[in-house]
Amino acid sequence: MPLFAGIPYSSVGRYIARAWRLLEFRFTAYPPVGMTAVRAGLAYVNFFIHHFIADIGWIFIAASVVLFWRCRLTFRTGRRVRTIPLLAGLLTVAFLIWITEIAGTYARAWVYRDQIEGWKRVSLRIFRACYLLMILGFVLVSFVNPVRRPPISRAC
């Protein structure tokens, strides 16, 4: 990953914070904040330790599915109030980040080691990293923005 990659990744947190405020995020069945903090913290540690010991990112993904399985995100777009499973939203944004990784390497803005000889699709390991990044960013933003539980009023 190139040094300038920190800029787009830091913008993920900014995107989450702005969407949270503008779309008036509300949650049902949001897990206890302490549990989300531990889960995100361990995933962050995995970003570093997987270079030296076993990569256990899939375990953290499974833990996030268990943790957020019941959580629903309610938000407002204009006058419409919509609800989606939180995991679906996180996976969608992670998928879009992975697509930008593919586009960036295809344009040769940067290359991974396995792309030096010629372009290859960015691996699913990178998709997993994007998803873990989304979880980490989401949990960090939840420390700053209140996790509101009551649904949004449908009256405009």
N, C-alpha and C. Protein backbone atom coordinates (compact mmCIF):
# COMPACT_ATOMS: atom_id res chain seq x y z
N MET A 1 0.85 -1.17 0.00
CA MET A 1 0.00 0.00 0.00
C MET A 1 0.90 1.23 0.00
N PRO A 2 0.66 2.19 -0.85
CA PRO A 2 1.51 3.38 -0.90
C PRO A 2 1.27 4.29 0.30
N LEU A 3 2.23 5.20 0.52
CA LEU A 3 2.11 6.12 1.64
C LEU A 3 0.87 7.00 1.53
N PHE A 4 0.50 7.41 0.33
CA PHE A 4 -0.65 8.31 0.19
C PHE A 4 -1.98 7.60 0.44
N ALA A 5 -1.95 6.30 0.64
CA ALA A 5 -3.19 5.56 0.89
C ALA A 5 -3.82 5.96 2.22
N GLY A 6 -3.04 6.47 3.16
CA GLY A 6 -3.61 6.92 4.42
C GLY A 6 -4.61 8.03 4.25
N ILE A 7 -4.45 8.83 3.21
CA ILE A 7 -5.39 9.94 2.97
C ILE A 7 -6.77 9.42 2.63
N PRO A 8 -6.93 8.53 1.64
CA PRO A 8 -8.28 8.04 1.38
C PRO A 8 -8.85 7.23 2.53
N TYR A 9 -7.99 6.49 3.25
CA TYR A 9 -8.51 5.69 4.35
C TYR A 9 -8.95 6.57 5.51
N SER A 10 -8.25 7.67 5.74
CA SER A 10 -8.71 8.57 6.80
C SER A 10 -10.02 9.25 6.39
N SER A 11 -10.23 9.36 5.10
CA SER A 11 -11.49 9.97 4.65
C SER A 11 -12.68 9.04 4.89
N VAL A 12 -12.43 7.74 5.09
CA VAL A 12 -13.51 6.80 5.40
C VAL A 12 -14.18 7.21 6.71
N GLY A 13 -13.38 7.52 7.72
CA GLY A 13 -13.94 7.97 8.99
C GLY A 13 -14.72 9.27 8.84
N ARG A 14 -14.20 10.17 8.03
CA ARG A 14 -14.89 11.44 7.77
C ARG A 14 -16.22 11.19 7.06
N TYR A 15 -16.22 10.27 6.11
CA TYR A 15 -17.45 9.90 5.40
C TYR A 15 -18.49 9.35 6.37
N ILE A 16 -18.07 8.46 7.25
CA ILE A 16 -19.00 7.86 8.20
C ILE A 16 -19.57 8.93 9.13
N ALA A 17 -18.70 9.80 9.65
CA ALA A 17 -19.15 10.85 10.56
C ALA A 17 -20.15 11.79 9.88
N ARG A 18 -19.86 12.15 8.65
CA ARG A 18 -20.76 13.07 7.94
C ARG A 18 -22.09 12.40 7.59
N ALA A 19 -22.03 11.16 7.13
CA ALA A 19 -23.27 10.44 6.82
C ALA A 19 -24.10 10.26 8.09
N TRP A 20 -23.46 9.97 9.19
CA TRP A 20 -24.13 9.77 10.47
C TRP A 20 -24.96 11.01 10.82
N ARG A 21 -24.35 12.18 10.63
CA ARG A 21 -25.02 13.43 11.00
C ARG A 21 -26.09 13.81 9.98
N LEU A 22 -25.74 13.79 8.71
CA LEU A 22 -26.67 14.26 7.67
C LEU A 22 -27.87 13.33 7.48
N LEU A 23 -27.65 12.04 7.62
CA LEU A 23 -28.73 11.08 7.41
C LEU A 23 -29.45 10.69 8.70
N GLU A 24 -29.04 11.33 9.80
CA GLU A 24 -29.69 11.13 11.09
C GLU A 24 -29.74 9.66 11.49
N PHE A 25 -28.61 9.02 11.54
CA PHE A 25 -28.54 7.60 11.87
C PHE A 25 -29.21 7.31 13.21
N ARG A 26 -29.97 6.23 13.23
CA ARG A 26 -30.56 5.67 14.44
C ARG A 26 -30.35 4.16 14.38
N PHE A 27 -30.28 3.52 15.52
CA PHE A 27 -29.96 2.10 15.55
C PHE A 27 -30.93 1.33 16.44
N THR A 28 -31.25 0.14 16.02
CA THR A 28 -31.95 -0.80 16.89
C THR A 28 -31.03 -1.99 17.10
N ALA A 29 -31.05 -2.51 18.30
CA ALA A 29 -30.23 -3.67 18.69
C ALA A 29 -28.74 -3.40 18.52
N TYR A 30 -28.31 -2.17 18.77
CA TYR A 30 -26.88 -1.86 18.70
C TYR A 30 -26.19 -2.51 19.90
N PRO A 31 -25.09 -3.22 19.67
CA PRO A 31 -24.43 -3.91 20.79
C PRO A 31 -23.81 -2.92 21.77
N PRO A 32 -23.49 -3.38 22.97
CA PRO A 32 -22.84 -2.50 23.95
C PRO A 32 -21.54 -1.91 23.38
N VAL A 33 -21.33 -0.64 23.66
CA VAL A 33 -20.17 0.07 23.10
C VAL A 33 -18.86 -0.59 23.51
N GLY A 34 -18.79 -1.09 24.73
CA GLY A 34 -17.56 -1.76 25.18
C GLY A 34 -17.22 -2.97 24.33
N MET A 35 -18.23 -3.73 23.94
CA MET A 35 -18.00 -4.91 23.10
C MET A 35 -17.52 -4.48 21.71
N THR A 36 -18.09 -3.41 21.17
CA THR A 36 -17.65 -2.95 19.85
C THR A 36 -16.23 -2.43 19.91
N ALA A 37 -15.88 -1.77 21.02
CA ALA A 37 -14.52 -1.23 21.17
C ALA A 37 -13.49 -2.35 21.22
N VAL A 38 -13.77 -3.39 21.98
CA VAL A 38 -12.84 -4.52 22.07
C VAL A 38 -12.69 -5.18 20.70
N ARG A 39 -13.80 -5.41 20.03
CA ARG A 39 -13.80 -6.04 18.71
C ARG A 39 -12.99 -5.22 17.71
N ALA A 40 -13.21 -3.91 17.67
CA ALA A 40 -12.48 -3.05 16.73
C ALA A 40 -11.00 -2.97 17.10
N GLY A 41 -10.72 -2.90 18.39
CA GLY A 41 -9.33 -2.83 18.83
C GLY A 41 -8.54 -4.06 18.44
N LEU A 42 -9.13 -5.23 18.61
CA LEU A 42 -8.45 -6.47 18.23
C LEU A 42 -8.23 -6.55 16.72
N ALA A 43 -9.19 -6.08 15.94
CA ALA A 43 -9.01 -6.06 14.49
C ALA A 43 -7.87 -5.11 14.11
N TYR A 44 -7.76 -3.99 14.81
CA TYR A 44 -6.68 -3.04 14.54
C TYR A 44 -5.33 -3.67 14.85
N VAL A 45 -5.24 -4.38 15.96
CA VAL A 45 -4.01 -5.07 16.31
C VAL A 45 -3.65 -6.09 15.23
N ASN A 46 -4.65 -6.76 14.67
CA ASN A 46 -4.41 -7.76 13.62
C ASN A 46 -3.78 -7.13 12.38
N PHE A 47 -4.08 -5.86 12.09
CA PHE A 47 -3.47 -5.20 10.94
C PHE A 47 -1.95 -5.20 11.05
N PHE A 48 -1.43 -5.18 12.29
CA PHE A 48 0.00 -5.16 12.50
C PHE A 48 0.59 -6.54 12.73
N ILE A 49 -0.06 -7.35 13.55
CA ILE A 49 0.55 -8.63 13.93
C ILE A 49 0.47 -9.68 12.84
N HIS A 50 -0.39 -9.50 11.85
CA HIS A 50 -0.49 -10.55 10.82
C HIS A 50 0.79 -10.66 10.00
N HIS A 51 1.68 -9.68 10.10
CA HIS A 51 2.96 -9.76 9.40
C HIS A 51 3.94 -10.69 10.12
N PHE A 52 3.69 -10.93 11.40
CA PHE A 52 4.63 -11.70 12.20
C PHE A 52 4.09 -13.04 12.67
N ILE A 53 2.79 -13.10 12.91
CA ILE A 53 2.16 -14.36 13.32
C ILE A 53 0.95 -14.59 12.42
N ALA A 54 0.17 -15.55 12.72
CA ALA A 54 -0.97 -15.91 11.85
C ALA A 54 -1.95 -14.75 11.69
N ASP A 55 -2.48 -14.64 10.49
CA ASP A 55 -3.51 -13.65 10.20
C ASP A 55 -4.86 -14.23 10.61
N ILE A 56 -5.49 -13.60 11.58
CA ILE A 56 -6.77 -14.12 12.07
C ILE A 56 -7.91 -13.16 11.75
N GLY A 57 -7.78 -12.44 10.64
CA GLY A 57 -8.80 -11.48 10.24
C GLY A 57 -10.17 -12.10 10.04
N TRP A 58 -10.21 -13.34 9.52
CA TRP A 58 -11.51 -13.99 9.30
C TRP A 58 -12.24 -14.22 10.61
N ILE A 59 -11.49 -14.45 11.68
CA ILE A 59 -12.11 -14.62 13.00
C ILE A 59 -12.76 -13.30 13.42
N PHE A 60 -12.10 -12.18 13.15
CA PHE A 60 -12.67 -10.89 13.51
C PHE A 60 -13.90 -10.55 12.67
N ILE A 61 -13.89 -10.99 11.43
CA ILE A 61 -15.08 -10.80 10.59
C ILE A 61 -16.24 -11.61 11.16
N ALA A 62 -15.98 -12.85 11.51
CA ALA A 62 -17.04 -13.68 12.11
C ALA A 62 -17.54 -13.05 13.40
N ALA A 63 -16.62 -12.51 14.21
CA ALA A 63 -17.03 -11.87 15.46
C ALA A 63 -17.90 -10.64 15.19
N SER A 64 -17.58 -9.89 14.14
CA SER A 64 -18.39 -8.71 13.83
C SER A 64 -19.78 -9.11 13.34
N VAL A 65 -19.87 -10.21 12.62
CA VAL A 65 -21.18 -10.69 12.16
C VAL A 65 -22.03 -11.07 13.38
N VAL A 66 -21.43 -11.79 14.32
CA VAL A 66 -22.16 -12.17 15.53
C VAL A 66 -22.57 -10.91 16.30
N LEU A 67 -21.66 -9.96 16.42
CA LEU A 67 -21.90 -8.75 17.20
C LEU A 67 -22.99 -7.85 16.59
N PHE A 68 -22.96 -7.68 15.27
CA PHE A 68 -23.86 -6.73 14.62
C PHE A 68 -25.02 -7.40 13.88
N TRP A 69 -25.19 -8.71 14.00
CA TRP A 69 -26.20 -9.44 13.23
C TRP A 69 -27.60 -8.84 13.36
N ARG A 70 -28.00 -8.51 14.55
CA ARG A 70 -29.36 -8.01 14.78
C ARG A 70 -29.50 -6.50 14.60
N CYS A 71 -28.39 -5.80 14.50
CA CYS A 71 -28.42 -4.33 14.45
C CYS A 71 -28.99 -3.83 13.12
N ARG A 72 -29.91 -2.89 13.22
CA ARG A 72 -30.51 -2.25 12.04
C ARG A 72 -30.21 -0.76 12.09
N LEU A 73 -29.91 -0.22 10.93
CA LEU A 73 -29.63 1.20 10.78
C LEU A 73 -30.84 1.86 10.14
N THR A 74 -31.37 2.86 10.80
CA THR A 74 -32.48 3.65 10.25
C THR A 74 -31.92 5.02 9.93
N PHE A 75 -32.24 5.53 8.74
CA PHE A 75 -31.73 6.83 8.32
C PHE A 75 -32.76 7.53 7.43
N ARG A 76 -32.58 8.82 7.28
CA ARG A 76 -33.50 9.63 6.49
C ARG A 76 -32.81 10.11 5.22
N THR A 77 -33.49 9.93 4.08
CA THR A 77 -33.05 10.52 2.81
C THR A 77 -34.19 11.41 2.35
N GLY A 78 -34.01 12.70 2.49
CA GLY A 78 -35.11 13.62 2.18
C GLY A 78 -36.23 13.39 3.18
N ARG A 79 -37.40 13.06 2.67
CA ARG A 79 -38.54 12.78 3.55
C ARG A 79 -38.71 11.30 3.83
N ARG A 80 -37.98 10.46 3.15
CA ARG A 80 -38.13 9.01 3.31
C ARG A 80 -37.25 8.50 4.44
N VAL A 81 -37.81 7.63 5.22
CA VAL A 81 -37.06 6.95 6.28
C VAL A 81 -36.84 5.52 5.83
N ARG A 82 -35.59 5.09 5.88
CA ARG A 82 -35.24 3.76 5.41
C ARG A 82 -34.52 3.00 6.52
N THR A 83 -34.62 1.70 6.46
CA THR A 83 -33.94 0.84 7.43
C THR A 83 -33.24 -0.29 6.67
N ILE A 84 -31.98 -0.53 7.04
CA ILE A 84 -31.22 -1.63 6.47
C ILE A 84 -30.44 -2.32 7.59
N PRO A 85 -30.07 -3.56 7.39
CA PRO A 85 -29.16 -4.19 8.36
C PRO A 85 -27.82 -3.45 8.32
N LEU A 86 -27.28 -3.16 9.49
CA LEU A 86 -26.00 -2.45 9.56
C LEU A 86 -24.92 -3.20 8.81
N LEU A 87 -24.89 -4.52 8.93
CA LEU A 87 -23.87 -5.31 8.24
C LEU A 87 -23.95 -5.12 6.72
N ALA A 88 -25.15 -5.01 6.18
CA ALA A 88 -25.30 -4.81 4.74
C ALA A 88 -24.69 -3.47 4.33
N GLY A 89 -24.91 -2.44 5.12
CA GLY A 89 -24.32 -1.14 4.81
C GLY A 89 -22.81 -1.15 4.88
N LEU A 90 -22.26 -1.77 5.92
CA LEU A 90 -20.81 -1.85 6.07
C LEU A 90 -20.17 -2.66 4.95
N LEU A 91 -20.80 -3.79 4.61
CA LEU A 91 -20.28 -4.62 3.52
C LEU A 91 -20.34 -3.89 2.18
N THR A 92 -21.39 -3.14 1.95
CA THR A 92 -21.52 -2.40 0.69
C THR A 92 -20.42 -1.36 0.54
N VAL A 93 -20.18 -0.60 1.59
CA VAL A 93 -19.13 0.42 1.52
C VAL A 93 -17.75 -0.24 1.40
N ALA A 94 -17.53 -1.34 2.11
CA ALA A 94 -16.25 -2.05 2.00
C ALA A 94 -16.06 -2.56 0.57
N PHE A 95 -17.12 -3.06 -0.03
CA PHE A 95 -17.05 -3.53 -1.42
C PHE A 95 -16.67 -2.38 -2.36
N LEU A 96 -17.25 -1.21 -2.15
CA LEU A 96 -16.93 -0.06 -3.01
C LEU A 96 -15.48 0.39 -2.83
N ILE A 97 -14.98 0.33 -1.61
CA ILE A 97 -13.57 0.66 -1.38
C ILE A 97 -12.68 -0.35 -2.10
N TRP A 98 -13.05 -1.63 -2.05
CA TRP A 98 -12.29 -2.68 -2.74
C TRP A 98 -12.30 -2.43 -4.24
N ILE A 99 -13.42 -2.01 -4.78
CA ILE A 99 -13.51 -1.68 -6.22
C ILE A 99 -12.55 -0.54 -6.55
N THR A 100 -12.45 0.47 -5.67
CA THR A 100 -11.50 1.56 -5.94
C THR A 100 -10.06 1.07 -5.87
N GLU A 101 -9.79 0.08 -5.00
CA GLU A 101 -8.46 -0.54 -4.98
C GLU A 101 -8.16 -1.20 -6.32
N ILE A 102 -9.15 -1.91 -6.84
CA ILE A 102 -8.98 -2.56 -8.14
C ILE A 102 -8.72 -1.52 -9.22
N ALA A 103 -9.51 -0.45 -9.23
CA ALA A 103 -9.34 0.60 -10.24
C ALA A 103 -7.98 1.29 -10.09
N GLY A 104 -7.57 1.55 -8.85
CA GLY A 104 -6.28 2.20 -8.62
C GLY A 104 -5.10 1.38 -9.10
N THR A 105 -5.17 0.06 -8.87
CA THR A 105 -4.08 -0.78 -9.33
C THR A 105 -4.14 -0.99 -10.84
N TYR A 106 -5.33 -1.01 -11.39
CA TYR A 106 -5.46 -1.16 -12.85
C TYR A 106 -4.87 0.07 -13.55
N ALA A 107 -5.09 1.24 -12.95
CA ALA A 107 -4.53 2.48 -13.51
C ALA A 107 -3.04 2.64 -13.17
N ARG A 108 -2.51 1.68 -12.41
CA ARG A 108 -1.10 1.67 -11.99
C ARG A 108 -0.76 2.87 -11.10
N ALA A 109 -1.75 3.38 -10.36
CA ALA A 109 -1.47 4.41 -9.36
C ALA A 109 -0.58 3.81 -8.27
N TRP A 110 -0.76 2.54 -8.00
CA TRP A 110 0.10 1.73 -7.15
C TRP A 110 -0.10 0.28 -7.55
N VAL A 111 0.82 -0.55 -7.14
CA VAL A 111 0.69 -1.98 -7.43
C VAL A 111 1.05 -2.76 -6.17
N TYR A 112 0.42 -3.91 -6.03
CA TYR A 112 0.78 -4.85 -4.99
C TYR A 112 1.88 -5.76 -5.53
N ARG A 113 2.54 -6.48 -4.62
CA ARG A 113 3.66 -7.33 -5.03
C ARG A 113 3.29 -8.31 -6.14
N ASP A 114 2.10 -8.87 -6.07
CA ASP A 114 1.72 -9.86 -7.08
C ASP A 114 1.29 -9.22 -8.40
N GLN A 115 1.35 -7.90 -8.50
CA GLN A 115 0.96 -7.20 -9.72
C GLN A 115 2.15 -6.59 -10.46
N ILE A 116 3.35 -6.83 -9.97
CA ILE A 116 4.54 -6.23 -10.58
C ILE A 116 4.75 -6.74 -12.00
N GLU A 117 4.57 -8.04 -12.20
CA GLU A 117 4.76 -8.63 -13.53
C GLU A 117 3.63 -8.26 -14.49
N GLY A 118 2.50 -7.96 -13.98
CA GLY A 118 1.32 -7.63 -14.79
C GLY A 118 0.11 -7.52 -13.89
N TRP A 119 -0.90 -6.82 -14.34
CA TRP A 119 -2.06 -6.56 -13.49
C TRP A 119 -2.85 -7.83 -13.21
N LYS A 120 -3.25 -7.97 -11.98
CA LYS A 120 -4.16 -9.03 -11.53
C LYS A 120 -5.19 -8.37 -10.63
N ARG A 121 -6.37 -8.98 -10.55
CA ARG A 121 -7.41 -8.44 -9.67
C ARG A 121 -6.89 -8.41 -8.24
N VAL A 122 -7.25 -7.37 -7.51
CA VAL A 122 -6.86 -7.25 -6.11
C VAL A 122 -7.53 -8.38 -5.33
N SER A 123 -6.78 -9.00 -4.46
CA SER A 123 -7.24 -10.21 -3.78
C SER A 123 -8.37 -9.93 -2.79
N LEU A 124 -9.04 -11.00 -2.42
CA LEU A 124 -10.09 -10.90 -1.42
C LEU A 124 -9.54 -10.55 -0.04
N ARG A 125 -8.25 -10.77 0.18
CA ARG A 125 -7.63 -10.33 1.44
C ARG A 125 -7.78 -8.83 1.60
N ILE A 126 -7.68 -8.10 0.49
CA ILE A 126 -7.83 -6.65 0.55
C ILE A 126 -9.28 -6.29 0.84
N PHE A 127 -10.23 -7.04 0.28
CA PHE A 127 -11.64 -6.81 0.61
C PHE A 127 -11.87 -7.00 2.10
N ARG A 128 -11.29 -8.06 2.65
CA ARG A 128 -11.40 -8.31 4.09
C ARG A 128 -10.83 -7.14 4.88
N ALA A 129 -9.69 -6.62 4.45
CA ALA A 129 -9.08 -5.47 5.13
C ALA A 129 -9.99 -4.25 5.03
N CYS A 130 -10.63 -4.06 3.88
CA CYS A 130 -11.55 -2.93 3.71
C CYS A 130 -12.73 -3.06 4.67
N TYR A 131 -13.26 -4.27 4.82
CA TYR A 131 -14.37 -4.48 5.75
C TYR A 131 -13.93 -4.21 7.19
N LEU A 132 -12.77 -4.71 7.57
CA LEU A 132 -12.27 -4.46 8.92
C LEU A 132 -12.03 -2.97 9.14
N LEU A 133 -11.58 -2.29 8.09
CA LEU A 133 -11.42 -0.83 8.16
C LEU A 133 -12.76 -0.15 8.41
N MET A 134 -13.81 -0.61 7.74
CA MET A 134 -15.14 -0.04 7.94
C MET A 134 -15.61 -0.24 9.38
N ILE A 135 -15.40 -1.42 9.92
CA ILE A 135 -15.79 -1.68 11.30
C ILE A 135 -15.03 -0.76 12.24
N LEU A 136 -13.73 -0.66 12.05
CA LEU A 136 -12.90 0.19 12.91
C LEU A 136 -13.35 1.64 12.81
N GLY A 137 -13.53 2.15 11.60
CA GLY A 137 -13.98 3.53 11.42
C GLY A 137 -15.34 3.76 12.03
N PHE A 138 -16.24 2.82 11.83
CA PHE A 138 -17.60 2.96 12.36
C PHE A 138 -17.60 3.02 13.88
N VAL A 139 -16.83 2.13 14.51
CA VAL A 139 -16.78 2.12 15.97
C VAL A 139 -16.13 3.39 16.50
N LEU A 140 -15.08 3.86 15.85
CA LEU A 140 -14.44 5.11 16.30
C LEU A 140 -15.40 6.30 16.20
N VAL A 141 -16.16 6.36 15.12
CA VAL A 141 -17.13 7.45 14.97
C VAL A 141 -18.23 7.32 16.02
N SER A 142 -18.58 6.09 16.41
CA SER A 142 -19.63 5.91 17.42
C SER A 142 -19.20 6.45 18.79
N PHE A 143 -17.90 6.61 19.01
CA PHE A 143 -17.43 7.21 20.26
C PHE A 143 -17.71 8.71 20.28
N VAL A 144 -17.75 9.33 19.11
CA VAL A 144 -17.93 10.77 19.01
C VAL A 144 -19.41 11.13 18.82
N ASN A 145 -20.08 10.38 17.97
CA ASN A 145 -21.50 10.62 17.71
C ASN A 145 -22.32 9.68 18.60
N PRO A 146 -23.37 10.22 19.18
CA PRO A 146 -24.18 9.34 20.04
C PRO A 146 -24.88 8.25 19.24
N VAL A 147 -24.95 7.07 19.82
CA VAL A 147 -25.69 5.95 19.22
C VAL A 147 -27.14 6.12 19.67
N ARG A 148 -27.93 6.73 18.82
CA ARG A 148 -29.34 6.97 19.16
C ARG A 148 -30.15 5.74 18.82
N ARG A 149 -30.96 5.33 19.76
CA ARG A 149 -31.71 4.11 19.58
C ARG A 149 -33.14 4.31 19.08
N PRO A 150 -33.84 5.35 19.47
CA PRO A 150 -35.23 5.44 18.99
C PRO A 150 -35.28 5.67 17.49
N PRO A 151 -36.28 5.10 16.85
CA PRO A 151 -36.39 5.31 15.39
C PRO A 151 -36.70 6.76 15.07
N ILE A 152 -36.38 7.15 13.85
CA ILE A 152 -36.65 8.50 13.37
C ILE A 152 -38.16 8.65 13.22
N SER A 153 -38.66 9.80 13.61
CA SER A 153 -40.09 10.06 13.43
C SER A 153 -40.40 10.13 11.95
N ARG A 154 -41.46 9.47 11.55
CA ARG A 154 -41.84 9.46 10.14
C ARG A 154 -42.59 10.74 9.76
N ALA A 155 -42.98 11.52 10.75
CA ALA A 155 -43.66 12.79 10.45
C ALA A 155 -42.63 13.81 10.01
N CYS A 156 -42.95 14.56 8.97
CA CYS A 156 -41.98 15.55 8.45
C CYS A 156 -42.33 16.93 8.86
